[in-house]
Amino acid sequence: MQEHNLFLIFLSLLEVNNITYIVTGSVASIIYGEPRLTHDIDLVIELDTKDAQKIVDAFPDDKFYCPPIEVIKLEIRRPFRGHFNLIHHESGFKADIYLSGKDFLHKWAIENRKRYKLGNCDIWVAPPEYVILRKLEYFKEGKSDKHLTDIKNILEISGDLIDFDTLLDMITDHNLDAEWGLINPC
């Protein structure tokens, strides 16, 4: 796996500041599937506007690019697709932060998150069903085969962790049956 210290740059600060999060995207795919290179970490966090200062305090501007608190509050208020970035100055490593907002799937993933050990730190990772569903959505939007490859690797390596009844219900609910058929033609 890529040097896990890059991931912990962000995750350890979320942990010590009691900010609810899940790791998703390519890093979650790496955890459940095969190692591959990634240039950032995708995180979903739960945050209210009254707690926006926690992010600013956790990621001080002498070590990180963190958007102004007004931008963070604006993104928190979006019911769907709230987003901002954090960048570690020394390494250039980036965290894409997605706000849970009113997205049912984000909320479900946070409620069903899994604890994993990464180096000497325990981290919260989105459940594999969520990772697969999001990868199917990303494939539907952009047609990048890397998402299908990630899904195949997750199924092969971590298939025993997946609740297939829940996954298949979610796939149908999100109109992703055609994309799923590319992975599992049966």
C-alpha atoms as a PDB file:
ATOM      1  CA  MET A   1       0.000   0.000   0.000  1.00  0.00           C
ATOM      2  CA  GLN A   2       1.061   3.560  -0.604  1.00  0.00           C
ATOM      3  CA  GLU A   3       2.901   5.139   2.320  1.00  0.00           C
ATOM      4  CA  HIS A   4       0.116   5.148   4.918  1.00  0.00           C
ATOM      5  CA  ASN A   5       1.641   8.138   6.694  1.00  0.00           C
ATOM      6  CA  LEU A   6       0.219  10.310   3.898  1.00  0.00           C
ATOM      7  CA  PHE A   7      -3.287   9.118   4.764  1.00  0.00           C
ATOM      8  CA  LEU A   8      -2.671   9.562   8.474  1.00  0.00           C
ATOM      9  CA  ILE A   9      -1.711  13.215   7.947  1.00  0.00           C
ATOM     10  CA  PHE A  10      -5.451  13.868   7.724  1.00  0.00           C
ATOM     11  CA  LEU A  11      -7.003  10.919   9.534  1.00  0.00           C
ATOM     12  CA  SER A  12      -5.080  11.329  12.774  1.00  0.00           C
ATOM     13  CA  LEU A  13      -6.229  14.951  13.034  1.00  0.00           C
ATOM     14  CA  LEU A  14      -9.856  14.006  12.425  1.00  0.00           C
ATOM     15  CA  GLU A  15      -9.534  11.327  15.098  1.00  0.00           C
ATOM     16  CA  VAL A  16      -8.019  13.565  17.793  1.00  0.00           C
ATOM     17  CA  ASN A  17     -10.548  16.328  17.055  1.00  0.00           C
ATOM     18  CA  ASN A  18     -13.525  13.931  17.279  1.00  0.00           C
ATOM     19  CA  ILE A  19     -14.759  14.727  13.774  1.00  0.00           C
ATOM     20  CA  THR A  20     -16.988  11.946  12.439  1.00  0.00           C
ATOM     21  CA  TYR A  21     -15.648  10.672   9.106  1.00  0.00           C
ATOM     22  CA  ILE A  22     -15.322   7.734   6.752  1.00  0.00           C
ATOM     23  CA  VAL A  23     -12.592   6.924   4.279  1.00  0.00           C
ATOM     24  CA  THR A  24     -14.025   6.214   0.841  1.00  0.00           C
ATOM     25  CA  GLY A  25     -12.939   6.332  -2.806  1.00  0.00           C
ATOM     26  CA  SER A  26      -9.641   4.849  -3.936  1.00  0.00           C
ATOM     27  CA  VAL A  27      -8.224   4.451  -0.427  1.00  0.00           C
ATOM     28  CA  ALA A  28     -11.253   2.389   0.648  1.00  0.00           C
ATOM     29  CA  SER A  29     -10.837   0.396  -2.586  1.00  0.00           C
ATOM     30  CA  ILE A  30      -7.223  -0.257  -1.631  1.00  0.00           C
ATOM     31  CA  ILE A  31      -8.247  -1.420   1.852  1.00  0.00           C
ATOM     32  CA  TYR A  32     -10.905  -3.809   0.503  1.00  0.00           C
ATOM     33  CA  GLY A  33      -9.160  -4.688  -2.755  1.00  0.00           C
ATOM     34  CA  GLU A  34      -5.812  -4.329  -4.510  1.00  0.00           C
ATOM     35  CA  PRO A  35      -3.144  -1.700  -3.861  1.00  0.00           C
ATOM     36  CA  ARG A  36      -2.841   1.036  -6.470  1.00  0.00           C
ATOM     37  CA  LEU A  37      -1.485   4.544  -6.677  1.00  0.00           C
ATOM     38  CA  THR A  38      -3.680   7.413  -5.563  1.00  0.00           C
ATOM     39  CA  HIS A  39      -2.976  11.123  -5.357  1.00  0.00           C
ATOM     40  CA  ASP A  40      -5.480  11.997  -2.647  1.00  0.00           C
ATOM     41  CA  ILE A  41      -7.807  10.649  -0.017  1.00  0.00           C
ATOM     42  CA  ASP A  42     -11.593  10.953  -0.209  1.00  0.00           C
ATOM     43  CA  LEU A  43     -13.414  11.488   3.059  1.00  0.00           C
ATOM     44  CA  VAL A  44     -17.043  11.993   3.999  1.00  0.00           C
ATOM     45  CA  ILE A  45     -17.482  13.933   7.229  1.00  0.00           C
ATOM     46  CA  GLU A  46     -20.431  14.869   9.400  1.00  0.00           C
ATOM     47  CA  LEU A  47     -20.265  18.478  10.440  1.00  0.00           C
ATOM     48  CA  ASP A  48     -22.749  21.178  11.450  1.00  0.00           C
ATOM     49  CA  THR A  49     -22.116  24.848  10.713  1.00  0.00           C
ATOM     50  CA  LYS A  50     -21.620  25.450  14.435  1.00  0.00           C
ATOM     51  CA  ASP A  51     -18.725  22.956  14.314  1.00  0.00           C
ATOM     52  CA  ALA A  52     -16.995  24.398  11.225  1.00  0.00           C
ATOM     53  CA  GLN A  53     -14.308  25.948  13.406  1.00  0.00           C
ATOM     54  CA  LYS A  54     -13.221  22.424  14.389  1.00  0.00           C
ATOM     55  CA  ILE A  55     -11.918  21.893  10.836  1.00  0.00           C
ATOM     56  CA  VAL A  56     -10.081  25.218  10.760  1.00  0.00           C
ATOM     57  CA  ASP A  57      -8.511  24.478  14.148  1.00  0.00           C
ATOM     58  CA  ALA A  58      -7.619  20.885  13.232  1.00  0.00           C
ATOM     59  CA  PHE A  59      -5.840  21.917  10.011  1.00  0.00           C
ATOM     60  CA  PRO A  60      -3.830  25.077  10.823  1.00  0.00           C
ATOM     61  CA  ASP A  61      -2.788  27.280   7.897  1.00  0.00           C
ATOM     62  CA  ASP A  62       0.940  26.974   8.660  1.00  0.00           C
ATOM     63  CA  LYS A  63       0.726  23.254   7.736  1.00  0.00           C
ATOM     64  CA  PHE A  64      -2.362  22.972   5.528  1.00  0.00           C
ATOM     65  CA  TYR A  65      -4.375  24.788   2.952  1.00  0.00           C
ATOM     66  CA  CYS A  66      -7.828  24.956   4.508  1.00  0.00           C
ATOM     67  CA  PRO A  67     -10.551  27.107   2.973  1.00  0.00           C
ATOM     68  CA  PRO A  68     -11.891  30.072   4.940  1.00  0.00           C
ATOM     69  CA  ILE A  69     -14.506  29.206   7.523  1.00  0.00           C
ATOM     70  CA  GLU A  70     -17.174  31.024   5.481  1.00  0.00           C
ATOM     71  CA  VAL A  71     -16.566  28.631   2.571  1.00  0.00           C
ATOM     72  CA  ILE A  72     -16.710  25.619   4.877  1.00  0.00           C
ATOM     73  CA  LYS A  73     -20.015  26.832   6.353  1.00  0.00           C
ATOM     74  CA  LEU A  74     -21.430  27.415   2.878  1.00  0.00           C
ATOM     75  CA  GLU A  75     -20.517  23.880   1.836  1.00  0.00           C
ATOM     76  CA  ILE A  76     -21.955  22.415   5.062  1.00  0.00           C
ATOM     77  CA  ARG A  77     -25.284  24.133   4.353  1.00  0.00           C
ATOM     78  CA  ARG A  78     -25.608  22.410   0.953  1.00  0.00           C
ATOM     79  CA  PRO A  79     -28.063  19.526   1.371  1.00  0.00           C
ATOM     80  CA  PHE A  80     -26.185  17.483  -1.270  1.00  0.00           C
ATOM     81  CA  ARG A  81     -22.684  17.516  -2.766  1.00  0.00           C
ATOM     82  CA  GLY A  82     -21.065  19.887  -0.270  1.00  0.00           C
ATOM     83  CA  HIS A  83     -17.313  19.670  -0.857  1.00  0.00           C
ATOM     84  CA  PHE A  84     -13.961  21.305  -0.107  1.00  0.00           C
ATOM     85  CA  ASN A  85     -10.277  20.360  -0.164  1.00  0.00           C
ATOM     86  CA  LEU A  86      -7.498  20.258   2.384  1.00  0.00           C
ATOM     87  CA  ILE A  87      -3.874  20.201   1.218  1.00  0.00           C
ATOM     88  CA  HIS A  88      -0.818  19.355   3.301  1.00  0.00           C
ATOM     89  CA  HIS A  89       1.836  21.961   2.406  1.00  0.00           C
ATOM     90  CA  GLU A  90       4.929  19.825   2.958  1.00  0.00           C
ATOM     91  CA  SER A  91       3.831  16.774   0.959  1.00  0.00           C
ATOM     92  CA  GLY A  92       1.264  18.307  -1.395  1.00  0.00           C
ATOM     93  CA  PHE A  93      -1.079  15.443  -0.489  1.00  0.00           C
ATOM     94  CA  LYS A  94      -4.759  16.384  -0.784  1.00  0.00           C
ATOM     95  CA  ALA A  95      -7.939  15.363   1.012  1.00  0.00           C
ATOM     96  CA  ASP A  96     -11.226  15.740  -0.842  1.00  0.00           C
ATOM     97  CA  ILE A  97     -13.796  16.388   1.861  1.00  0.00           C
ATOM     98  CA  TYR A  98     -17.442  15.614   1.131  1.00  0.00           C
ATOM     99  CA  LEU A  99     -20.101  16.678   3.618  1.00  0.00           C
ATOM    100  CA  SER A 100     -22.757  14.136   4.562  1.00  0.00           C
ATOM    101  CA  GLY A 101     -25.543  16.727   4.317  1.00  0.00           C
ATOM    102  CA  LYS A 102     -28.886  15.076   3.607  1.00  0.00           C
ATOM    103  CA  ASP A 103     -27.414  12.356   1.405  1.00  0.00           C
ATOM    104  CA  PHE A 104     -29.044   9.143   2.647  1.00  0.00           C
ATOM    105  CA  LEU A 105     -26.207   7.009   1.308  1.00  0.00           C
ATOM    106  CA  HIS A 106     -23.556   9.060   3.137  1.00  0.00           C
ATOM    107  CA  LYS A 107     -25.577   8.781   6.344  1.00  0.00           C
ATOM    108  CA  TRP A 108     -26.008   5.023   5.888  1.00  0.00           C
ATOM    109  CA  ALA A 109     -22.271   4.597   5.283  1.00  0.00           C
ATOM    110  CA  ILE A 110     -21.360   6.549   8.414  1.00  0.00           C
ATOM    111  CA  GLU A 111     -23.813   4.499  10.497  1.00  0.00           C
ATOM    112  CA  ASN A 112     -22.312   1.273   9.101  1.00  0.00           C
ATOM    113  CA  ARG A 113     -18.651   2.260   8.959  1.00  0.00           C
ATOM    114  CA  LYS A 114     -15.901  -0.231   9.775  1.00  0.00           C
ATOM    115  CA  ARG A 115     -12.861   0.195  12.010  1.00  0.00           C
ATOM    116  CA  TYR A 116      -9.480  -0.730  10.485  1.00  0.00           C
ATOM    117  CA  LYS A 117      -5.901  -0.491  11.655  1.00  0.00           C
ATOM    118  CA  LEU A 118      -3.617   1.604   9.444  1.00  0.00           C
ATOM    119  CA  GLY A 119      -0.091   1.761  10.776  1.00  0.00           C
ATOM    120  CA  ASN A 120      -0.469   2.550  14.466  1.00  0.00           C
ATOM    121  CA  CYS A 121      -3.819   4.314  14.056  1.00  0.00           C
ATOM    122  CA  ASP A 122      -7.362   2.949  13.933  1.00  0.00           C
ATOM    123  CA  ILE A 123      -9.409   4.557  11.166  1.00  0.00           C
ATOM    124  CA  TRP A 124     -13.045   4.530  10.023  1.00  0.00           C
ATOM    125  CA  VAL A 125     -13.700   3.149   6.546  1.00  0.00           C
ATOM    126  CA  ALA A 126     -16.944   3.182   4.560  1.00  0.00           C
ATOM    127  CA  PRO A 127     -18.586  -0.251   4.282  1.00  0.00           C
ATOM    128  CA  PRO A 128     -17.738  -2.154   1.097  1.00  0.00           C
ATOM    129  CA  GLU A 129     -21.341  -1.959  -0.170  1.00  0.00           C
ATOM    130  CA  TYR A 130     -21.114   1.850  -0.143  1.00  0.00           C
ATOM    131  CA  VAL A 131     -17.723   1.843  -1.871  1.00  0.00           C
ATOM    132  CA  ILE A 132     -19.019  -0.465  -4.608  1.00  0.00           C
ATOM    133  CA  LEU A 133     -22.195   1.565  -5.114  1.00  0.00           C
ATOM    134  CA  ARG A 134     -20.286   4.849  -5.385  1.00  0.00           C
ATOM    135  CA  LYS A 135     -17.791   3.264  -7.787  1.00  0.00           C
ATOM    136  CA  LEU A 136     -20.741   2.157  -9.961  1.00  0.00           C
ATOM    137  CA  GLU A 137     -22.078   5.735  -9.907  1.00  0.00           C
ATOM    138  CA  TYR A 138     -18.673   7.151 -10.861  1.00  0.00           C
ATOM    139  CA  PHE A 139     -18.400   4.647 -13.693  1.00  0.00           C
ATOM    140  CA  LYS A 140     -21.884   5.614 -14.924  1.00  0.00           C
ATOM    141  CA  GLU A 141     -20.906   9.297 -14.900  1.00  0.00           C
ATOM    142  CA  GLY A 142     -17.408   9.099 -16.384  1.00  0.00           C
ATOM    143  CA  LYS A 143     -17.006   5.609 -17.892  1.00  0.00           C
ATOM    144  CA  SER A 144     -13.549   5.174 -16.298  1.00  0.00           C
ATOM    145  CA  ASP A 145     -12.688   1.474 -16.193  1.00  0.00           C
ATOM    146  CA  LYS A 146     -10.609   1.942 -13.024  1.00  0.00           C
ATOM    147  CA  HIS A 147     -13.872   1.937 -11.055  1.00  0.00           C
ATOM    148  CA  LEU A 148     -14.909  -1.431 -12.503  1.00  0.00           C
ATOM    149  CA  THR A 149     -11.435  -2.820 -11.796  1.00  0.00           C
ATOM    150  CA  ASP A 150     -11.656  -1.575  -8.194  1.00  0.00           C
ATOM    151  CA  ILE A 151     -15.058  -3.245  -7.783  1.00  0.00           C
ATOM    152  CA  LYS A 152     -13.821  -6.560  -9.191  1.00  0.00           C
ATOM    153  CA  ASN A 153     -10.876  -6.481  -6.781  1.00  0.00           C
ATOM    154  CA  ILE A 154     -13.133  -5.701  -3.812  1.00  0.00           C
ATOM    155  CA  LEU A 155     -15.438  -8.586  -4.740  1.00  0.00           C
ATOM    156  CA  GLU A 156     -12.526 -10.984  -5.138  1.00  0.00           C
ATOM    157  CA  ILE A 157     -10.607 -10.034  -1.995  1.00  0.00           C
ATOM    158  CA  SER A 158     -13.333  -8.891   0.418  1.00  0.00           C
ATOM    159  CA  GLY A 159     -16.430 -10.627  -0.927  1.00  0.00           C
ATOM    160  CA  ASP A 160     -17.005 -12.347   2.416  1.00  0.00           C
ATOM    161  CA  LEU A 161     -17.470  -8.909   4.064  1.00  0.00           C
ATOM    162  CA  ILE A 162     -20.245  -7.824   1.702  1.00  0.00           C
ATOM    163  CA  ASP A 163     -23.958  -8.033   2.485  1.00  0.00           C
ATOM    164  CA  PHE A 164     -25.081  -8.851  -1.051  1.00  0.00           C
ATOM    165  CA  ASP A 165     -28.800  -8.468  -0.269  1.00  0.00           C
ATOM    166  CA  THR A 166     -28.204  -4.884   0.862  1.00  0.00           C
ATOM    167  CA  LEU A 167     -25.847  -4.197  -2.042  1.00  0.00           C
ATOM    168  CA  LEU A 168     -28.265  -5.515  -4.676  1.00  0.00           C
ATOM    169  CA  ASP A 169     -31.153  -3.521  -3.160  1.00  0.00           C
ATOM    170  CA  MET A 170     -29.017  -0.367  -3.270  1.00  0.00           C
ATOM    171  CA  ILE A 171     -27.961  -1.052  -6.865  1.00  0.00           C
ATOM    172  CA  THR A 172     -31.617  -1.333  -7.919  1.00  0.00           C
ATOM    173  CA  ASP A 173     -32.655   1.719  -5.858  1.00  0.00           C
ATOM    174  CA  HIS A 174     -29.936   3.805  -7.565  1.00  0.00           C
ATOM    175  CA  ASN A 175     -30.683   2.516 -11.085  1.00  0.00           C
ATOM    176  CA  LEU A 176     -27.267   0.925 -11.463  1.00  0.00           C
ATOM    177  CA  ASP A 177     -28.352  -2.532 -12.629  1.00  0.00           C
ATOM    178  CA  ALA A 178     -26.806  -2.057 -16.095  1.00  0.00           C
ATOM    179  CA  GLU A 179     -23.461  -1.026 -14.602  1.00  0.00           C
ATOM    180  CA  TRP A 180     -23.571  -3.927 -12.130  1.00  0.00           C
ATOM    181  CA  GLY A 181     -24.193  -6.234 -15.080  1.00  0.00           C
ATOM    182  CA  LEU A 182     -20.772  -5.262 -16.439  1.00  0.00           C
ATOM    183  CA  ILE A 183     -19.232  -6.646 -13.234  1.00  0.00           C
ATOM    184  CA  ASN A 184     -21.557  -9.540 -12.561  1.00  0.00           C
ATOM    185  CA  PRO A 185     -23.328 -10.594 -15.771  1.00  0.00           C
ATOM    186  CA  CYS A 186     -25.446 -13.294 -14.034  1.00  0.00           C
END
